[in-house]
Amino acid sequence: MWSRIGARTSTDKAVANYHNNDWRNAAQGDFSSPDIAKEVAEKVWATFGPKQDESTFRPFSSAFIDGSDMGFETSLNNAAPFANQPWELMDSDTTKQYLLTVALQGPHPDLAGNGMLDGNARIDTIFSQLYDSSCGVNFFIPGSAEETNFNFETWNDWAKTISANPVQILSGVPANTGAAGTGYLPVSSLGQIIAYCKQFSSFVGIMMWDASQAYANIGFVMGVKKALLSTTSNPTSSSATAPLGTYNATPRRRMRKAVRMGQREFSLEMMK
């Protein structure tokens, strides 16, 4: 739930587990057909979106979401129809703006997010988890003309050439030594990576996993913020430099901090 704007649901395998077999199947990583995927998306909207009638169970009563954040730990069949159906519902409400964000593992393509990266799903922003893998921030080579393992350029290329719409990407990093198995780097090392990522126009900031780890790591958040607001970039490709902009980030599961370029302060958001 957002503390500043409203609420946002997270599918994160679960969607909910109290309605019927279709919902339970979604929790186990499966929509048996595109129609079932759309039906479950409509149930999510009825449960968490603007109130429509009195017959639907609504855990937050009249409060409703600003969008949806999807996270995939295992492969989910018919994920794209599930992701696209909310847009038909959200676009029908012209009174406010909604967002659809997706948290994906760093390797590209993300096998757990199959169907989300083929260009058929409309996504506002991706949280690319660049840790616990062979393409994480700890594999970045400072000063190299070509990064053979650290793969943010691959994600940027996808955003520019395959994505169904202009998509923003936050590079996900562990916020402390205990936040992930591998991939934690001190701010002194992350600064070079942030400078490198700034050359790519899809890059909008840093996602930290997670808020409790960042809170305990004194100076880490402010150090990353300083690096993001720096005008320094490290151009090694032909991609355009990303302009400083704004972005309404969203977390997944526990608590996630997002430090955004062009903002005076970071945002702290929490899912239910």
Protein backbone atom coordinates (compact mmCIF):
# COMPACT_ATOMS: atom_id res chain seq x y z
CA MET A 1 0.00 0.00 0.00
CA TRP A 2 1.27 3.44 -0.86
CA SER A 3 1.63 5.89 1.99
CA ARG A 4 1.69 8.94 -0.29
CA ILE A 5 -0.71 8.35 -3.16
CA GLY A 6 -2.95 5.39 -2.47
CA ALA A 7 -2.65 1.65 -2.79
CA ARG A 8 -1.12 -0.66 -5.32
CA THR A 9 -1.57 -4.40 -5.47
CA SER A 10 1.21 -6.90 -6.07
CA THR A 11 0.43 -10.11 -7.93
CA ASP A 12 3.78 -11.70 -7.01
CA LYS A 13 2.56 -15.24 -7.71
CA ALA A 14 -0.22 -14.88 -5.17
CA VAL A 15 -2.91 -12.60 -6.68
CA ALA A 16 -5.09 -13.90 -3.85
CA ASN A 17 -5.86 -17.38 -2.69
CA TYR A 18 -9.34 -17.31 -1.35
CA HIS A 19 -11.79 -17.27 -4.27
CA ASN A 20 -11.72 -20.33 -6.50
CA ASN A 21 -9.45 -22.72 -8.35
CA ASP A 22 -8.47 -20.10 -10.93
CA TRP A 23 -7.09 -17.84 -8.23
CA ARG A 24 -5.32 -20.77 -6.57
CA ASN A 25 -3.85 -21.83 -9.92
CA ALA A 26 -2.51 -18.30 -10.38
CA ALA A 27 -0.85 -18.54 -6.98
CA GLN A 28 0.82 -21.74 -8.17
CA GLY A 29 2.05 -20.15 -11.39
CA ASP A 30 -0.57 -21.00 -13.99
CA PHE A 31 -3.45 -19.46 -15.93
CA SER A 32 -4.97 -22.29 -17.94
CA SER A 33 -6.06 -20.00 -20.79
CA PRO A 34 -5.98 -16.33 -21.86
CA ASP A 35 -9.65 -16.02 -20.90
CA ILE A 36 -8.97 -17.30 -17.39
CA ALA A 37 -6.06 -14.85 -17.08
CA LYS A 38 -8.35 -11.98 -18.06
CA GLU A 39 -11.05 -13.18 -15.67
CA VAL A 40 -8.63 -13.21 -12.74
CA ALA A 41 -7.40 -9.73 -13.70
CA GLU A 42 -10.99 -8.52 -13.63
CA LYS A 43 -11.42 -10.05 -10.18
CA VAL A 44 -8.31 -8.23 -8.99
CA TRP A 45 -9.76 -4.99 -10.34
CA ALA A 46 -13.13 -5.61 -8.68
CA THR A 47 -11.38 -6.38 -5.39
CA PHE A 48 -8.83 -3.56 -5.34
CA GLY A 49 -9.94 -1.07 -8.03
CA PRO A 50 -12.67 1.58 -7.77
CA LYS A 51 -15.68 0.18 -5.94
CA GLN A 52 -18.31 -1.16 -8.32
CA ASP A 53 -20.87 -3.00 -6.18
CA GLU A 54 -21.47 -4.43 -2.72
CA SER A 55 -21.12 -8.10 -3.70
CA THR A 56 -17.31 -8.17 -4.08
CA PHE A 57 -15.09 -8.70 -1.05
CA ARG A 58 -12.90 -5.60 -0.67
CA PRO A 59 -10.20 -5.82 2.04
CA PHE A 60 -9.55 -2.05 1.85
CA SER A 61 -13.22 -1.07 1.63
CA SER A 62 -13.64 2.03 -0.56
CA ALA A 63 -9.87 2.66 -0.94
CA PHE A 64 -8.58 1.63 -4.35
CA ILE A 65 -5.30 1.12 -6.17
CA ASP A 66 -3.18 3.39 -8.36
CA GLY A 67 -2.02 0.45 -10.45
CA SER A 68 -0.51 -2.99 -10.21
CA ASP A 69 2.99 -4.32 -9.63
CA MET A 70 3.76 -7.82 -10.90
CA GLY A 71 6.59 -10.00 -9.70
CA PHE A 72 7.48 -13.41 -11.07
CA GLU A 73 9.45 -16.02 -9.14
CA THR A 74 8.34 -18.89 -11.37
CA SER A 75 7.02 -19.12 -14.91
CA LEU A 76 3.41 -17.95 -15.30
CA ASN A 77 1.39 -19.16 -18.28
CA ASN A 78 -0.67 -16.50 -20.10
CA ALA A 79 1.00 -13.68 -18.18
CA ALA A 80 0.59 -11.14 -21.00
CA PRO A 81 -3.24 -11.40 -21.19
CA PHE A 82 -3.32 -11.03 -17.41
CA ALA A 83 -1.13 -7.92 -17.60
CA ASN A 84 -3.00 -6.30 -20.47
CA GLN A 85 -6.53 -6.77 -19.16
CA PRO A 86 -6.09 -4.20 -16.37
CA TRP A 87 -5.33 -1.54 -18.97
CA GLU A 88 -8.80 -1.90 -20.49
CA LEU A 89 -10.22 -1.45 -17.01
CA MET A 90 -7.85 1.32 -15.93
CA ASP A 91 -8.23 3.24 -19.19
CA SER A 92 -11.98 3.29 -18.64
CA ASP A 93 -11.39 5.52 -15.61
CA THR A 94 -10.36 8.93 -16.96
CA THR A 95 -10.30 10.59 -13.54
CA LYS A 96 -6.77 9.47 -12.60
CA GLN A 97 -3.56 7.93 -13.91
CA TYR A 98 -2.73 4.28 -13.26
CA LEU A 99 0.58 2.43 -13.56
CA LEU A 100 1.58 -1.14 -14.34
CA THR A 101 5.04 -2.12 -13.13
CA VAL A 102 6.91 -5.43 -13.29
CA ALA A 103 9.79 -6.74 -11.17
CA LEU A 104 11.96 -9.11 -13.19
CA GLN A 105 15.14 -11.01 -12.48
CA GLY A 106 18.31 -9.60 -14.03
CA PRO A 107 19.04 -12.18 -16.76
CA HIS A 108 17.45 -11.35 -20.10
CA PRO A 109 15.19 -12.90 -21.10
CA ASP A 110 13.82 -13.55 -17.64
CA LEU A 111 12.44 -17.07 -17.93
CA ALA A 112 10.09 -16.54 -15.00
CA GLY A 113 8.58 -13.51 -16.75
CA ASN A 114 7.89 -15.28 -20.03
CA GLY A 115 5.23 -13.56 -22.08
CA MET A 116 6.01 -10.18 -20.52
CA LEU A 117 9.04 -9.46 -22.69
CA ASP A 118 7.80 -10.36 -26.17
CA GLY A 119 6.43 -6.89 -26.81
CA ASN A 120 2.76 -7.75 -26.27
CA ALA A 121 2.42 -6.49 -22.71
CA ARG A 122 2.00 -2.80 -21.94
CA ILE A 123 4.33 -1.96 -19.04
CA ASP A 124 5.16 1.43 -17.54
CA THR A 125 8.26 0.48 -15.59
CA ILE A 126 10.51 -2.49 -14.95
CA PHE A 127 12.51 -3.15 -11.80
CA SER A 128 15.47 -5.13 -13.12
CA GLN A 129 16.94 -7.11 -10.22
CA LEU A 130 20.65 -6.83 -10.99
CA TYR A 131 21.88 -9.11 -8.22
CA ASP A 132 22.02 -12.83 -7.40
CA SER A 133 22.98 -13.58 -11.00
CA SER A 134 25.90 -13.53 -13.41
CA CYS A 135 24.72 -10.23 -14.92
CA GLY A 136 24.49 -8.27 -11.68
CA VAL A 137 26.16 -5.02 -10.68
CA ASN A 138 29.06 -6.94 -9.13
CA PHE A 139 30.06 -8.03 -12.65
CA PHE A 140 30.38 -4.44 -13.90
CA ILE A 141 33.87 -3.70 -15.28
CA PRO A 142 34.80 -0.01 -14.77
CA GLY A 143 36.17 1.66 -17.88
CA SER A 144 35.37 -1.25 -20.18
CA ALA A 145 34.24 -0.31 -23.69
CA GLU A 146 31.82 -3.23 -23.61
CA GLU A 147 30.15 -4.86 -20.61
CA THR A 148 30.05 -8.58 -21.35
CA ASN A 149 28.19 -9.62 -18.19
CA PHE A 150 26.50 -6.62 -16.58
CA ASN A 151 23.53 -6.33 -18.90
CA PHE A 152 21.73 -3.02 -18.42
CA GLU A 153 22.41 -2.19 -22.07
CA THR A 154 20.49 -5.34 -23.04
CA TRP A 155 17.51 -4.18 -21.01
CA ASN A 156 17.73 -0.72 -22.59
CA ASP A 157 17.81 -2.25 -26.07
CA TRP A 158 14.68 -4.24 -25.23
CA ALA A 159 12.96 -1.10 -23.96
CA LYS A 160 13.80 0.76 -27.17
CA THR A 161 13.16 -1.91 -29.79
CA ILE A 162 10.73 -4.52 -28.46
CA SER A 163 8.63 -3.05 -25.65
CA ALA A 164 5.04 -2.29 -26.62
CA ASN A 165 5.38 1.24 -25.22
CA PRO A 166 8.13 3.53 -23.88
CA VAL A 167 9.18 1.82 -20.66
CA GLN A 168 11.30 3.11 -17.79
CA ILE A 169 13.83 0.90 -16.00
CA LEU A 170 15.16 1.06 -12.46
CA SER A 171 18.34 -0.88 -11.76
CA GLY A 172 17.77 -3.05 -8.72
CA VAL A 173 20.60 -3.36 -6.18
CA PRO A 174 20.92 -4.90 -2.70
CA ALA A 175 20.77 -2.19 -0.04
CA ASN A 176 23.10 -3.96 2.37
CA THR A 177 25.33 -7.01 2.68
CA GLY A 178 22.49 -9.17 3.97
CA ALA A 179 19.91 -8.16 1.37
CA ALA A 180 20.94 -10.68 -1.29
CA GLY A 181 23.20 -13.66 -1.82
CA THR A 182 25.49 -11.75 -4.19
CA GLY A 183 25.61 -8.30 -5.72
CA TYR A 184 25.97 -5.85 -2.86
CA LEU A 185 28.34 -3.00 -3.63
CA PRO A 186 29.23 0.08 -1.55
CA VAL A 187 28.21 3.50 -2.83
CA SER A 188 31.79 4.17 -3.91
CA SER A 189 31.46 1.36 -6.46
CA LEU A 190 27.82 1.98 -7.39
CA GLY A 191 28.63 5.54 -8.43
CA GLN A 192 30.53 4.30 -11.48
CA ILE A 193 27.67 2.00 -12.44
CA ILE A 194 25.09 4.76 -12.09
CA ALA A 195 27.23 7.02 -14.29
CA TYR A 196 27.36 4.23 -16.87
CA CYS A 197 23.59 3.62 -16.76
CA LYS A 198 22.81 7.32 -17.23
CA GLN A 199 23.79 7.13 -20.88
CA PHE A 200 20.76 4.92 -21.58
CA SER A 201 17.50 6.78 -22.07
CA SER A 202 15.36 4.12 -20.37
CA PHE A 203 17.26 4.47 -17.07
CA VAL A 204 15.34 6.47 -14.46
CA GLY A 205 16.86 5.47 -11.13
CA ILE A 206 17.81 2.83 -8.58
CA MET A 207 15.59 0.35 -6.78
CA MET A 208 16.92 -0.95 -3.45
CA TRP A 209 16.09 -4.30 -1.93
CA ASP A 210 14.89 -3.70 0.67
CA ALA A 211 13.95 -0.75 2.88
CA SER A 212 14.90 -2.42 6.17
CA GLN A 213 18.38 -3.18 4.81
CA ALA A 214 18.77 0.36 3.46
CA TYR A 215 17.68 1.84 6.79
CA ALA A 216 20.39 -0.11 8.60
CA ASN A 217 23.05 0.87 6.04
CA ILE A 218 23.66 4.44 7.17
CA GLY A 219 24.54 6.81 4.33
CA PHE A 220 23.75 4.33 1.55
CA VAL A 221 20.50 5.91 0.34
CA MET A 222 21.87 9.45 0.39
CA GLY A 223 25.05 8.32 -1.36
CA VAL A 224 23.04 6.73 -4.16
CA LYS A 225 20.86 9.84 -4.38
CA LYS A 226 23.96 12.02 -4.74
CA ALA A 227 25.27 9.80 -7.54
CA LEU A 228 21.92 9.96 -9.34
CA LEU A 229 21.76 13.74 -9.14
CA SER A 230 25.33 14.14 -10.35
CA THR A 231 25.65 15.43 -13.92
CA THR A 232 28.46 12.96 -14.60
CA SER A 233 27.86 10.23 -17.17
CA ASN A 234 30.08 7.58 -18.66
CA PRO A 235 29.19 7.32 -22.38
CA THR A 236 30.39 4.09 -23.96
CA SER A 237 27.62 3.51 -26.48
CA SER A 238 25.52 5.45 -28.97
CA SER A 239 22.43 5.46 -26.74
CA ALA A 240 21.13 8.87 -25.74
CA THR A 241 21.80 10.27 -22.29
CA ALA A 242 18.79 9.92 -20.03
CA PRO A 243 17.24 13.25 -19.00
CA LEU A 244 16.59 13.89 -15.35
CA GLY A 245 12.92 13.19 -14.81
CA THR A 246 10.34 12.01 -12.34
CA TYR A 247 9.03 8.57 -11.67
CA ASN A 248 6.46 7.14 -9.31
CA ALA A 249 8.12 3.92 -8.21
CA THR A 250 6.47 0.96 -6.54
CA PRO A 251 7.85 -1.84 -4.38
CA ARG A 252 7.20 -5.56 -4.38
CA ARG A 253 6.38 -7.85 -1.48
CA ARG A 254 8.17 -6.47 1.57
CA MET A 255 9.36 -2.86 1.54
CA ARG A 256 11.37 -1.35 -1.27
CA LYS A 257 13.11 1.98 -1.54
CA ALA A 258 13.33 3.71 -4.88
CA VAL A 259 15.69 6.61 -5.40
CA ARG A 260 14.63 8.63 -8.39
CA MET A 261 16.57 10.95 -10.65
CA GLY A 262 15.51 14.58 -10.51
CA GLN A 263 13.81 14.33 -7.12
CA ARG A 264 14.83 16.09 -3.91
CA GLU A 265 13.94 13.11 -1.78
CA PHE A 266 13.54 9.40 -2.18
CA SER A 267 10.21 7.67 -1.81
CA LEU A 268 9.43 4.91 0.63
CA GLU A 269 6.53 2.72 -0.31
CA MET A 270 5.18 -0.46 1.18
CA MET A 271 3.02 -3.27 -0.13
CA LYS A 272 0.46 -4.94 2.05
